[in-house]
């Protein structure tokens, strides 16, 4: 039995009411909810506009820069996300109108997709990615119907926008081509390919000039030791993103569809291909649930076209869908009104307390610099809420590199006074503690003469990868990047800076061999570094680090596999 719901596929009035409510809700959420740490990080992106960044392409920085230039508050930062998200839903509706989809079912499913709520206000690279993904489908549907150079030109710009939003955009283009190889026969298709490649070239050159930081990070540094839970929890996460109560039924309905044209085939190949691609990636490391965002655009269209083909579901699903929406709205209300339980949920903690924390820290340090150990979120929140660029992440050898290792903030704080914050009590380094008003304990210290080497790159020239237990070996190293030798005279800094060989095993540091850095040869040469390998046989990860007092040491080289046997 089907739900007795008016079937008015041609009516836009319910859609306009829905989009008005959706936009107002997202605007209100944007205005009242503090920034997530990632959003603050991308705000700092927008202060240093460039063709690329360590983690992502630059489109999110442009989104934020435009809104923040109008008003420096949370709504300003998220403004383009709110606008483009609503515009995207309307474009999806226009695509589906050609399949005579019912407006009320569109509203039920669109407002029931949890991931659409997430990116109705949260501003990350997924925000412009979502917008350009929908634009791609909107114009691709027209391009299938009519091979016009004007549509090819628009698609060229859209594809460039996809690539400048997030590297996942490559999947959309690739799977679409796989669904319709005959596109290669269209002359206009090559305008899309060649034109978008040319437009994306500045980012490619940025990667080349910076030694491919994004490729190294995403393809190498982000790899993790395999845990079966990465693979087993992936489907559960995708069901939750589709809708905590209705996700299972949406997947079931989407893949029951009858493929009747090239556009539906593109939707199927993109949905299946994207979900499968990220499932395979779970064997390489943990896949975050939202990475599949671009798959939910074809999913919602497949669901609604399938409903139209096979008949709309029974009443029980309609009421389940309403309950699903109510549950999501309750979660959003909890965020809006800061219910205590939601403020203690791990992934949501980052939304609360940092405006006051910034005031608390700023009262202590005034206009001095702030150095925070390991992590880009906390210094970014301080920068945003103080509307400054006084905070920097000290990314240690235990962590990973971030964009803070490339920005000029580190340069500007050399030999200045700074306040150091660490999650860890570091005897001999931290001297005090600070209890943040949101409950976190920070260990602190004043540093009167900051000297760091985050930007110094150490190259490993030797091919030595094995040694006997306790053997003393020599490896040739090279130095590039920022290496301020004029500040390293033995009279001033002897005993303050050290070059160290660090052996890691099972993610814990086992042994460090150190030498004062004032003996280093100028950066254009090579330095033969002599050190003793661990006495315990086994496989290690070896990297070289420059440590300056009172910091734990930065990650200055790539890790290499080293065997003691």
Protein backbone atom coordinates (compact mmCIF):
# COMPACT_ATOMS: atom_id res chain seq x y z
CA UNK A 1 0.00 0.00 0.00
CA UNK A 2 1.37 3.44 -0.91
CA UNK A 3 1.21 6.59 1.16
CA UNK A 4 -1.66 8.85 0.20
CA UNK A 5 0.39 11.90 -0.63
CA UNK A 6 -0.56 14.39 -3.30
CA UNK A 7 1.45 13.79 -6.44
CA UNK A 8 2.26 17.21 -7.87
CA UNK A 9 5.56 16.82 -9.71
CA UNK A 10 5.22 20.09 -11.60
CA UNK A 11 4.69 22.30 -8.55
CA UNK A 12 7.62 24.40 -7.33
CA UNK A 13 5.78 26.07 -4.43
CA UNK A 14 6.56 23.35 -1.81
CA UNK A 15 10.20 23.44 -2.92
CA UNK A 16 10.43 27.20 -2.38
CA UNK A 17 8.94 26.89 1.11
CA UNK A 18 11.35 24.06 1.90
CA UNK A 19 14.38 25.96 0.62
CA UNK A 20 13.39 29.06 2.56
CA UNK A 21 13.17 27.06 5.79
CA UNK A 22 16.39 25.17 4.95
CA UNK A 23 18.32 28.38 4.27
CA UNK A 24 17.08 30.13 7.41
CA UNK A 25 17.89 27.09 9.55
CA UNK A 26 21.41 26.86 8.14
CA UNK A 27 21.95 30.60 8.54
CA UNK A 28 20.79 30.47 12.16
CA UNK A 29 22.99 27.44 12.85
CA UNK A 30 25.92 29.18 11.19
CA UNK A 31 25.48 32.34 13.25
CA UNK A 32 25.08 30.70 16.66
CA UNK A 33 27.48 27.77 16.48
CA UNK A 34 31.19 28.31 17.06
CA UNK A 35 33.61 27.20 14.39
CA UNK A 36 34.87 23.67 14.12
CA UNK A 37 38.65 23.49 14.27
CA UNK A 38 38.87 22.57 10.59
CA UNK A 39 36.82 25.62 9.62
CA UNK A 40 39.16 27.88 11.57
CA UNK A 41 42.13 26.24 9.82
CA UNK A 42 40.59 27.03 6.44
CA UNK A 43 40.01 30.60 7.60
CA UNK A 44 43.77 30.89 8.02
CA UNK A 45 44.02 29.51 4.47
CA UNK A 46 41.97 32.52 3.40
CA UNK A 47 44.51 34.87 5.00
CA UNK A 48 47.22 33.43 2.74
CA UNK A 49 45.51 33.02 -0.62
CA UNK A 50 47.53 30.78 -2.88
CA UNK A 51 47.13 28.28 -5.73
CA UNK A 52 47.41 25.39 -3.32
CA UNK A 53 47.87 24.29 0.27
CA UNK A 54 49.45 21.38 2.08
CA UNK A 55 46.17 19.51 2.52
CA UNK A 56 43.81 20.76 -0.20
CA UNK A 57 43.27 22.93 -3.29
CA UNK A 58 42.28 26.57 -2.67
CA UNK A 59 38.54 26.85 -3.41
CA UNK A 60 37.51 26.66 0.26
CA UNK A 61 39.80 29.61 1.00
CA UNK A 62 38.04 31.66 -1.67
CA UNK A 63 34.61 30.72 -0.27
CA UNK A 64 35.65 31.85 3.19
CA UNK A 65 37.47 34.98 2.06
CA UNK A 66 34.38 36.28 0.26
CA UNK A 67 32.02 35.78 3.21
CA UNK A 68 34.50 36.88 5.87
CA UNK A 69 35.20 40.10 3.98
CA UNK A 70 31.52 40.97 4.42
CA UNK A 71 31.35 40.17 8.15
CA UNK A 72 33.90 38.63 10.48
CA UNK A 73 31.73 36.21 12.38
CA UNK A 74 30.70 32.59 12.05
CA UNK A 75 27.90 33.39 9.62
CA UNK A 76 30.25 35.39 7.43
CA UNK A 77 32.73 32.52 7.23
CA UNK A 78 29.93 30.08 6.35
CA UNK A 79 27.88 32.44 4.18
CA UNK A 80 28.76 30.99 0.77
CA UNK A 81 28.22 27.47 2.10
CA UNK A 82 24.69 28.36 3.19
CA UNK A 83 23.89 29.99 -0.15
CA UNK A 84 25.46 27.37 -2.42
CA UNK A 85 23.99 24.48 -0.43
CA UNK A 86 20.45 25.77 -0.95
CA UNK A 87 21.21 26.51 -4.60
CA UNK A 88 22.51 22.96 -4.98
CA UNK A 89 19.33 21.43 -3.63
CA UNK A 90 17.30 23.52 -6.04
CA UNK A 91 19.43 22.37 -8.97
CA UNK A 92 18.98 18.74 -7.92
CA UNK A 93 15.24 19.37 -7.94
CA UNK A 94 15.44 20.83 -11.46
CA UNK A 95 17.33 17.74 -12.63
CA UNK A 96 14.71 15.46 -11.11
CA UNK A 97 11.77 17.39 -12.54
CA UNK A 98 12.61 15.83 -15.90
CA UNK A 99 11.80 12.48 -14.32
CA UNK A 100 8.49 13.80 -12.88
CA UNK A 101 9.60 13.28 -9.29
CA UNK A 102 7.12 14.30 -6.60
CA UNK A 103 8.05 17.46 -4.66
CA UNK A 104 7.01 16.15 -1.25
CA UNK A 105 9.08 13.01 -1.63
CA UNK A 106 12.03 15.15 -2.70
CA UNK A 107 11.66 17.22 0.47
CA UNK A 108 11.35 14.09 2.63
CA UNK A 109 14.50 12.48 1.25
CA UNK A 110 16.65 15.63 0.88
CA UNK A 111 15.94 16.74 4.44
CA UNK A 112 16.51 13.20 5.69
CA UNK A 113 20.07 12.88 4.38
CA UNK A 114 22.22 13.59 7.42
CA UNK A 115 25.27 14.47 5.35
CA UNK A 116 23.30 17.23 3.58
CA UNK A 117 22.57 18.77 6.98
CA UNK A 118 26.26 18.62 7.91
CA UNK A 119 27.28 20.58 4.84
CA UNK A 120 24.36 22.97 5.02
CA UNK A 121 26.54 25.15 7.25
CA UNK A 122 29.93 23.51 7.93
CA UNK A 123 32.55 25.09 5.66
CA UNK A 124 35.31 22.74 4.55
CA UNK A 125 36.57 21.78 1.07
CA UNK A 126 33.50 19.53 0.84
CA UNK A 127 31.28 22.63 0.68
CA UNK A 128 32.45 23.90 -2.73
CA UNK A 129 32.90 20.27 -3.82
CA UNK A 130 29.20 19.62 -3.18
CA UNK A 131 28.20 22.74 -5.13
CA UNK A 132 30.37 21.99 -8.16
CA UNK A 133 29.29 18.33 -8.11
CA UNK A 134 25.66 19.35 -8.44
CA UNK A 135 26.53 21.93 -11.10
CA UNK A 136 28.32 19.18 -13.02
CA UNK A 137 25.27 16.89 -13.02
CA UNK A 138 22.95 19.78 -13.91
CA UNK A 139 24.91 20.76 -17.03
CA UNK A 140 25.96 17.21 -17.90
CA UNK A 141 22.28 16.23 -18.17
CA UNK A 142 21.82 19.02 -20.71
CA UNK A 143 25.07 18.16 -22.49
CA UNK A 144 23.84 14.59 -23.03
CA UNK A 145 20.71 15.91 -24.68
CA UNK A 146 22.47 18.48 -26.85
CA UNK A 147 26.12 18.56 -27.93
CA UNK A 148 26.74 22.30 -27.74
CA UNK A 149 30.04 24.12 -27.44
CA UNK A 150 28.51 26.53 -24.93
CA UNK A 151 27.61 23.66 -22.61
CA UNK A 152 31.09 22.19 -23.07
CA UNK A 153 32.58 25.55 -22.09
CA UNK A 154 30.42 25.68 -18.94
CA UNK A 155 31.38 22.10 -18.05
CA UNK A 156 35.04 23.00 -18.53
CA UNK A 157 34.69 25.72 -15.88
CA UNK A 158 32.69 23.43 -13.60
CA UNK A 159 35.28 20.64 -13.81
CA UNK A 160 38.02 23.14 -12.98
CA UNK A 161 35.92 24.23 -9.99
CA UNK A 162 35.61 20.59 -8.92
CA UNK A 163 39.36 20.07 -9.05
CA UNK A 164 40.07 23.31 -7.22
CA UNK A 165 37.61 22.24 -4.49
CA UNK A 166 38.92 18.80 -3.56
CA UNK A 167 40.88 16.07 -5.28
CA UNK A 168 37.84 13.79 -4.99
CA UNK A 169 36.47 15.68 -8.00
CA UNK A 170 38.65 13.45 -10.18
CA UNK A 171 36.40 10.51 -9.26
CA UNK A 172 33.30 12.26 -10.59
CA UNK A 173 34.93 13.04 -13.91
CA UNK A 174 36.49 9.60 -14.25
CA UNK A 175 33.40 7.58 -13.37
CA UNK A 176 31.23 9.73 -15.64
CA UNK A 177 33.54 8.97 -18.55
CA UNK A 178 33.48 5.26 -17.65
CA UNK A 179 29.68 5.35 -17.84
CA UNK A 180 29.71 6.83 -21.34
CA UNK A 181 32.86 6.14 -23.38
CA UNK A 182 31.11 7.57 -26.45
CA UNK A 183 31.87 11.02 -25.03
CA UNK A 184 35.36 10.60 -26.47
CA UNK A 185 33.82 10.88 -29.93
CA UNK A 186 32.52 14.39 -29.29
CA UNK A 187 34.88 17.15 -30.32
CA UNK A 188 33.38 19.43 -27.69
CA UNK A 189 34.29 16.89 -25.01
CA UNK A 190 37.97 17.58 -25.59
CA UNK A 191 37.37 21.24 -24.83
CA UNK A 192 36.20 20.13 -21.38
CA UNK A 193 39.25 17.91 -20.85
CA UNK A 194 41.96 20.17 -22.22
CA UNK A 195 40.42 23.41 -21.01
CA UNK A 196 39.93 22.25 -17.41
CA UNK A 197 43.46 20.79 -17.40
CA UNK A 198 44.87 24.16 -18.47
CA UNK A 199 42.82 25.97 -15.83
CA UNK A 200 44.09 23.54 -13.18
CA UNK A 201 47.72 23.97 -14.23
CA UNK A 202 48.53 26.73 -11.68
CA UNK A 203 47.76 24.28 -8.90
CA UNK A 204 49.88 21.59 -10.55
CA UNK A 205 52.78 24.03 -10.80
CA UNK A 206 52.29 24.98 -7.15
CA UNK A 207 52.62 21.30 -6.24
CA UNK A 208 55.79 20.98 -8.34
CA UNK A 209 57.35 24.09 -6.83
CA UNK A 210 56.62 22.88 -3.30
CA UNK A 211 57.78 19.29 -3.88
CA UNK A 212 54.29 17.74 -4.07
CA UNK A 213 53.24 18.11 -0.41
CA UNK A 214 49.60 17.13 -1.00
CA UNK A 215 50.50 13.98 -2.92
CA UNK A 216 53.00 12.89 -0.28
CA UNK A 217 50.53 13.54 2.51
CA UNK A 218 47.46 11.87 1.00
CA UNK A 219 49.22 8.94 -0.69
CA UNK A 220 52.03 8.18 1.78
CA UNK A 221 51.91 9.97 5.13
CA UNK A 222 48.21 9.31 5.66
CA UNK A 223 48.61 5.53 5.39
CA UNK A 224 47.93 3.65 8.62
CA UNK A 225 48.50 0.19 9.97
CA UNK A 226 45.47 -1.83 8.90
CA UNK A 227 42.69 -2.41 11.41
CA UNK A 228 39.75 -4.57 10.37
CA UNK A 229 37.40 -2.07 11.99
CA UNK A 230 38.28 0.40 9.20
CA UNK A 231 36.55 -1.92 6.75
CA UNK A 232 33.73 -3.26 8.90
CA UNK A 233 32.55 0.12 10.20
CA UNK A 234 32.65 1.81 6.79
CA UNK A 235 29.21 0.55 5.65
CA UNK A 236 27.66 1.53 8.99
CA UNK A 237 29.06 5.03 8.66
CA UNK A 238 27.64 5.39 5.16
CA UNK A 239 24.21 4.27 6.34
CA UNK A 240 24.35 6.90 9.07
CA UNK A 241 25.35 9.61 6.59
CA UNK A 242 22.41 8.65 4.38
CA UNK A 243 20.01 8.98 7.31
CA UNK A 244 20.22 7.30 10.73
CA UNK A 245 16.81 5.63 10.31
CA UNK A 246 16.25 5.51 6.56
CA UNK A 247 19.75 5.06 5.12
CA UNK A 248 19.36 1.31 4.63
CA UNK A 249 16.17 1.78 2.61
CA UNK A 250 17.70 4.51 0.46
CA UNK A 251 20.56 2.27 -0.62
CA UNK A 252 18.15 -0.57 -1.28
CA UNK A 253 15.90 1.66 -3.38
CA UNK A 254 18.72 3.36 -5.30
CA UNK A 255 20.17 0.16 -6.64
CA UNK A 256 16.81 -1.26 -7.70
CA UNK A 257 16.62 1.40 -10.38
CA UNK A 258 16.09 0.54 -14.04
CA UNK A 259 18.77 2.18 -16.20
CA UNK A 260 16.84 3.78 -19.05
CA UNK A 261 19.21 6.50 -20.24
CA UNK A 262 22.84 7.64 -20.18
CA UNK A 263 22.26 10.07 -17.33
CA UNK A 264 20.89 7.39 -14.99
CA UNK A 265 23.82 5.18 -15.96
CA UNK A 266 26.19 8.00 -14.95
CA UNK A 267 24.44 8.28 -11.59
CA UNK A 268 24.74 4.53 -10.97
CA UNK A 269 28.40 4.29 -11.97
CA UNK A 270 29.32 7.35 -9.88
CA UNK A 271 27.45 6.15 -6.80
CA UNK A 272 28.72 2.58 -6.94
CA UNK A 273 32.21 3.60 -8.02
CA UNK A 274 32.67 6.22 -5.30
CA UNK A 275 31.39 4.04 -2.46
CA UNK A 276 33.52 1.14 -3.70
CA UNK A 277 36.61 3.33 -4.13
CA UNK A 278 36.52 4.53 -0.54
CA UNK A 279 35.71 1.03 0.74
CA UNK A 280 38.89 -0.20 -0.93
CA UNK A 281 40.74 2.70 0.73
CA UNK A 282 39.81 1.29 4.14
CA UNK A 283 42.53 -1.32 3.56
CA UNK A 284 45.03 1.56 3.42
CA UNK A 285 43.77 3.51 6.43
CA UNK A 286 40.77 4.94 8.20
CA UNK A 287 38.25 6.54 5.83
CA UNK A 288 36.28 9.40 7.32
CA UNK A 289 32.55 9.06 6.80
CA UNK A 290 32.05 12.33 4.95
CA UNK A 291 34.66 11.64 2.26
CA UNK A 292 31.92 10.02 0.18
CA UNK A 293 29.85 13.22 0.00
CA UNK A 294 29.94 13.34 -3.80
CA UNK A 295 28.28 9.88 -3.90
CA UNK A 296 25.17 11.13 -2.09
CA UNK A 297 24.29 13.51 -4.93
CA UNK A 298 23.69 10.65 -7.39
CA UNK A 299 22.25 8.54 -4.55
CA UNK A 300 19.39 10.92 -3.79
CA UNK A 301 18.55 11.19 -7.49
CA UNK A 302 18.64 7.42 -7.94
CA UNK A 303 16.33 6.96 -4.95
CA UNK A 304 13.73 9.41 -6.20
CA UNK A 305 13.84 8.21 -9.82
CA UNK A 306 13.52 4.65 -8.52
CA UNK A 307 10.49 5.68 -6.46
CA UNK A 308 8.91 7.14 -9.59
CA UNK A 309 9.66 4.02 -11.64
CA UNK A 310 8.47 1.41 -9.12
CA UNK A 311 5.90 3.36 -7.13
CA UNK A 312 6.37 5.41 -4.00
CA UNK A 313 6.94 3.51 -0.72
CA UNK A 314 4.22 2.57 1.72
CA UNK A 315 3.06 4.78 4.57
CA UNK A 316 5.36 3.13 7.08
CA UNK A 317 8.41 4.50 5.25
CA UNK A 318 6.88 7.96 4.97
CA UNK A 319 6.37 8.10 8.73
CA UNK A 320 9.80 6.61 9.32
CA UNK A 321 11.20 9.38 7.12
CA UNK A 322 9.43 12.02 9.19
CA UNK A 323 10.83 10.44 12.37
CA UNK A 324 14.30 10.47 10.79
CA UNK A 325 13.97 14.20 10.06
CA UNK A 326 12.74 14.85 13.60
CA UNK A 327 15.80 13.05 15.00
CA UNK A 328 18.17 15.10 12.87
CA UNK A 329 16.41 18.35 13.79
CA UNK A 330 16.68 17.38 17.46
CA UNK A 331 20.44 16.99 17.05
CA UNK A 332 20.63 20.36 15.33
CA UNK A 333 18.52 21.95 18.08
CA UNK A 334 20.85 20.45 20.66
CA UNK A 335 23.76 22.15 18.90
CA UNK A 336 21.82 25.38 18.58
CA UNK A 337 20.82 25.56 22.25
CA UNK A 338 24.00 23.88 23.53
CA UNK A 339 22.39 21.01 25.40
CA UNK A 340 25.00 19.64 27.86
CA UNK A 341 24.97 16.09 26.46
CA UNK A 342 25.85 17.20 22.93
CA UNK A 343 28.75 19.33 24.17
CA UNK A 344 30.42 16.20 25.54
CA UNK A 345 30.22 14.12 22.35
CA UNK A 346 33.74 13.64 20.99
CA UNK A 347 33.37 14.91 17.40
CA UNK A 348 31.18 17.83 18.54
CA UNK A 349 33.37 19.12 21.38
CA UNK A 350 35.35 21.23 18.93
CA UNK A 351 32.31 23.47 18.39
CA UNK A 352 32.18 24.77 21.96
CA UNK A 353 34.20 26.95 24.33
CA UNK A 354 36.96 28.27 22.13
CA UNK A 355 35.72 31.84 21.89
CA UNK A 356 36.09 32.15 25.66
CA UNK A 357 39.32 30.14 25.62
CA UNK A 358 40.82 32.65 23.19
CA UNK A 359 39.90 35.52 25.51
CA UNK A 360 41.38 33.58 28.43
CA UNK A 361 44.71 33.01 26.66
CA UNK A 362 44.87 36.48 25.13
CA UNK A 363 44.48 38.00 28.59
CA UNK A 364 47.68 36.19 29.58
CA UNK A 365 49.84 36.70 26.52
CA UNK A 366 48.63 40.02 25.15
CA UNK A 367 50.18 40.68 21.74
CA UNK A 368 52.85 37.99 22.05
CA UNK A 369 52.99 34.91 19.85
CA UNK A 370 51.32 31.64 20.78
CA UNK A 371 52.91 28.27 19.97
CA UNK A 372 50.73 25.18 20.36
CA UNK A 373 52.14 21.69 20.11
CA UNK A 374 50.86 19.22 17.50
CA UNK A 375 47.65 20.11 15.74
CA UNK A 376 46.33 22.75 13.40
CA UNK A 377 42.90 23.22 14.99
CA UNK A 378 43.73 24.98 18.26
CA UNK A 379 46.11 27.62 16.85
CA UNK A 380 43.63 28.23 14.04
CA UNK A 381 40.82 28.85 16.50
CA UNK A 382 43.00 31.29 18.43
CA UNK A 383 43.87 33.09 15.19
CA UNK A 384 40.23 33.31 14.14
CA UNK A 385 38.75 34.44 17.45
CA UNK A 386 41.56 36.92 18.07
CA UNK A 387 41.37 37.99 14.40
CA UNK A 388 45.14 37.77 14.18
CA UNK A 389 47.92 35.55 12.90
CA UNK A 390 49.80 35.26 16.17
CA UNK A 391 49.36 31.52 16.77
CA UNK A 392 51.28 28.72 15.13
CA UNK A 393 51.30 24.93 15.36
CA UNK A 394 54.61 23.38 16.38
CA UNK A 395 54.32 20.11 14.48
CA UNK A 396 56.65 17.69 16.23
CA UNK A 397 58.33 14.56 14.94
CA UNK A 398 55.59 12.59 16.67
CA UNK A 399 52.90 14.24 14.54
CA UNK A 400 52.68 15.23 10.87
CA UNK A 401 53.33 18.32 8.84
CA UNK A 402 50.57 20.85 8.20
CA UNK A 403 50.19 24.12 6.33
CA UNK A 404 51.66 25.86 9.40
CA UNK A 405 55.02 24.42 8.34
CA UNK A 406 54.73 26.44 5.11
CA UNK A 407 53.16 29.74 6.17
CA UNK A 408 55.39 32.71 7.11
CA UNK A 409 54.02 32.91 10.67
CA UNK A 410 56.98 30.88 11.95
CA UNK A 411 59.43 33.28 10.30
CA UNK A 412 57.88 36.30 11.96
CA UNK A 413 58.21 34.90 15.48
CA UNK A 414 61.93 34.00 15.36
CA UNK A 415 63.80 35.43 18.38
CA UNK A 416 60.55 36.86 19.74
CA UNK A 417 58.82 36.10 23.02
CA UNK A 418 56.07 33.48 22.83
CA UNK A 419 53.75 31.45 25.05
CA UNK A 420 53.98 27.67 24.62
CA UNK A 421 50.98 25.37 25.13
CA UNK A 422 51.16 21.58 25.19
CA UNK A 423 48.72 18.80 25.99
CA UNK A 424 51.57 17.03 27.74
CA UNK A 425 53.48 17.83 30.89
CA UNK A 426 57.02 18.19 29.59
CA UNK A 427 59.48 18.26 32.53
CA UNK A 428 62.21 20.77 31.85
CA UNK A 429 60.08 22.55 29.26
CA UNK A 430 56.62 23.35 30.61
CA UNK A 431 56.58 25.21 33.90
CA UNK A 432 52.92 25.93 34.58
CA UNK A 433 49.42 24.83 33.61
CA UNK A 434 46.25 26.45 32.34
CA UNK A 435 42.77 25.02 32.79
CA UNK A 436 40.64 26.12 29.87
CA UNK A 437 37.08 27.13 30.67
CA UNK A 438 35.83 24.23 28.55
CA UNK A 439 37.70 21.83 30.85
CA UNK A 440 40.91 20.97 29.03
CA UNK A 441 44.25 21.20 30.87
CA UNK A 442 47.16 22.83 29.04
CA UNK A 443 50.77 22.77 30.20
CA UNK A 444 52.49 26.07 29.53
CA UNK A 445 55.78 27.91 29.42
CA UNK A 446 57.09 31.29 28.33
CA UNK A 447 59.82 31.17 25.68
CA UNK A 448 61.84 34.38 25.64
CA UNK A 449 63.86 33.69 22.48
CA UNK A 450 61.98 31.50 19.99
CA UNK A 451 64.06 29.52 17.54
CA UNK A 452 62.44 26.83 15.40
CA UNK A 453 63.29 24.94 12.21
CA UNK A 454 59.91 23.71 10.95
CA UNK A 455 60.75 24.71 7.38
CA UNK A 456 64.16 23.09 7.23
CA UNK A 457 64.11 20.03 4.98
CA UNK A 458 66.67 17.33 5.61
CA UNK A 459 67.42 15.07 2.68
CA UNK A 460 68.83 11.59 3.27
CA UNK A 461 71.60 11.06 0.69
CA UNK A 462 72.97 7.74 1.92
CA UNK A 463 71.48 4.41 0.90
CA UNK A 464 72.27 2.69 4.20
CA UNK A 465 69.16 0.92 5.46
CA UNK A 466 70.58 -1.88 7.66
CA UNK A 467 73.09 -2.12 10.49
CA UNK A 468 74.13 -4.40 13.32
CA UNK A 469 72.82 -3.80 16.86
CA UNK A 470 74.67 -0.91 18.44
CA UNK A 471 76.71 -0.19 15.30
CA UNK A 472 78.01 3.34 14.71
CA UNK A 473 77.20 4.46 11.18
CA UNK A 474 77.53 7.65 9.14
CA UNK A 475 74.79 8.92 6.84
CA UNK A 476 75.16 11.92 4.54
CA UNK A 477 72.40 14.52 4.94
CA UNK A 478 71.52 17.63 2.95
CA UNK A 479 69.73 20.73 4.16
CA UNK A 480 67.29 22.93 2.27
CA UNK A 481 64.59 25.45 3.02
CA UNK A 482 64.71 27.83 5.95
CA UNK A 483 67.97 27.30 7.81
CA UNK A 484 69.00 30.52 9.56
CA UNK A 485 72.70 29.77 10.22
CA UNK A 486 73.46 33.34 11.10
CA UNK A 487 71.45 32.75 14.26
CA UNK A 488 73.41 29.62 15.19
CA UNK A 489 76.74 30.98 16.36
CA UNK A 490 78.15 28.72 19.11
CA UNK A 491 78.54 31.66 21.45
CA UNK A 492 74.80 32.35 21.39
CA UNK A 493 73.09 29.05 20.77
CA UNK A 494 75.45 26.22 21.71
CA UNK A 495 73.47 23.69 23.69
CA UNK A 496 70.17 25.11 22.49
CA UNK A 497 69.74 23.44 19.07
CA UNK A 498 70.41 19.81 18.15
CA UNK A 499 70.32 17.56 15.10
CA UNK A 500 68.86 14.20 16.10
CA UNK A 501 68.41 10.76 14.54
CA UNK A 502 65.12 9.34 15.77
CA UNK A 503 64.25 5.64 15.63
CA UNK A 504 60.55 4.81 15.95
CA UNK A 505 59.04 1.41 16.54
CA UNK A 506 55.33 0.73 17.01
CA UNK A 507 54.68 4.49 16.86
CA UNK A 508 56.79 5.12 19.95
CA UNK A 509 60.21 6.76 19.98
CA UNK A 510 62.81 4.21 21.05
CA UNK A 511 66.10 6.02 20.70
CA UNK A 512 67.38 9.49 19.86
CA UNK A 513 70.99 10.28 18.95
CA UNK A 514 71.81 13.98 19.20
CA UNK A 515 74.57 16.42 18.25
CA UNK A 516 74.72 20.23 18.74
CA UNK A 517 73.55 21.99 15.61
CA UNK A 518 76.27 24.64 15.60
CA UNK A 519 78.58 22.10 13.95
CA UNK A 520 76.39 21.87 10.81
CA UNK A 521 77.93 22.63 7.41
CA UNK A 522 76.19 25.38 5.34
CA UNK A 523 72.87 24.35 3.88
CA UNK A 524 74.04 23.98 0.27
CA UNK A 525 76.51 21.26 1.23
CA UNK A 526 76.10 17.86 2.84
CA UNK A 527 76.71 16.82 6.39
CA UNK A 528 78.08 13.39 7.38
CA UNK A 529 76.10 12.58 10.53
CA UNK A 530 77.57 9.87 12.75
CA UNK A 531 75.28 8.07 15.19
CA UNK A 532 74.74 4.75 16.96
CA UNK A 533 71.79 2.57 15.95
CA UNK A 534 69.60 0.84 18.58
CA UNK A 535 71.00 -2.22 20.34
CA UNK A 536 67.71 -4.11 20.01
CA UNK A 537 67.22 -5.88 16.63
CA UNK A 538 64.05 -5.12 14.70
CA UNK A 539 62.45 -2.94 12.03
CA UNK A 540 62.34 0.80 12.69
CA UNK A 541 61.25 4.04 11.09
CA UNK A 542 64.17 6.47 11.01
CA UNK A 543 63.78 10.21 10.59
CA UNK A 544 66.00 13.19 11.29
CA UNK A 545 64.84 16.06 13.47
CA UNK A 546 66.07 19.46 14.58
CA UNK A 547 65.23 20.09 18.22
CA UNK A 548 65.50 23.49 19.86
CA UNK A 549 65.01 24.13 23.56
CA UNK A 550 62.34 23.90 24.94
CA UNK A 551 60.49 22.18 22.06
CA UNK A 552 60.30 18.42 21.41
CA UNK A 553 61.85 18.51 17.93
CA UNK A 554 60.31 18.96 14.47
CA UNK A 555 59.83 16.47 11.64
CA UNK A 556 62.49 17.57 9.17
CA UNK A 557 62.99 14.50 6.98
CA UNK A 558 60.90 11.77 5.45
CA UNK A 559 60.73 8.54 7.43
CA UNK A 560 62.69 5.63 5.99
CA UNK A 561 62.57 1.96 6.90
CA UNK A 562 65.67 0.88 8.80
CA UNK A 563 66.49 -2.64 9.96
CA UNK A 564 68.76 -3.58 12.83
CA UNK A 565 69.84 -7.21 12.53
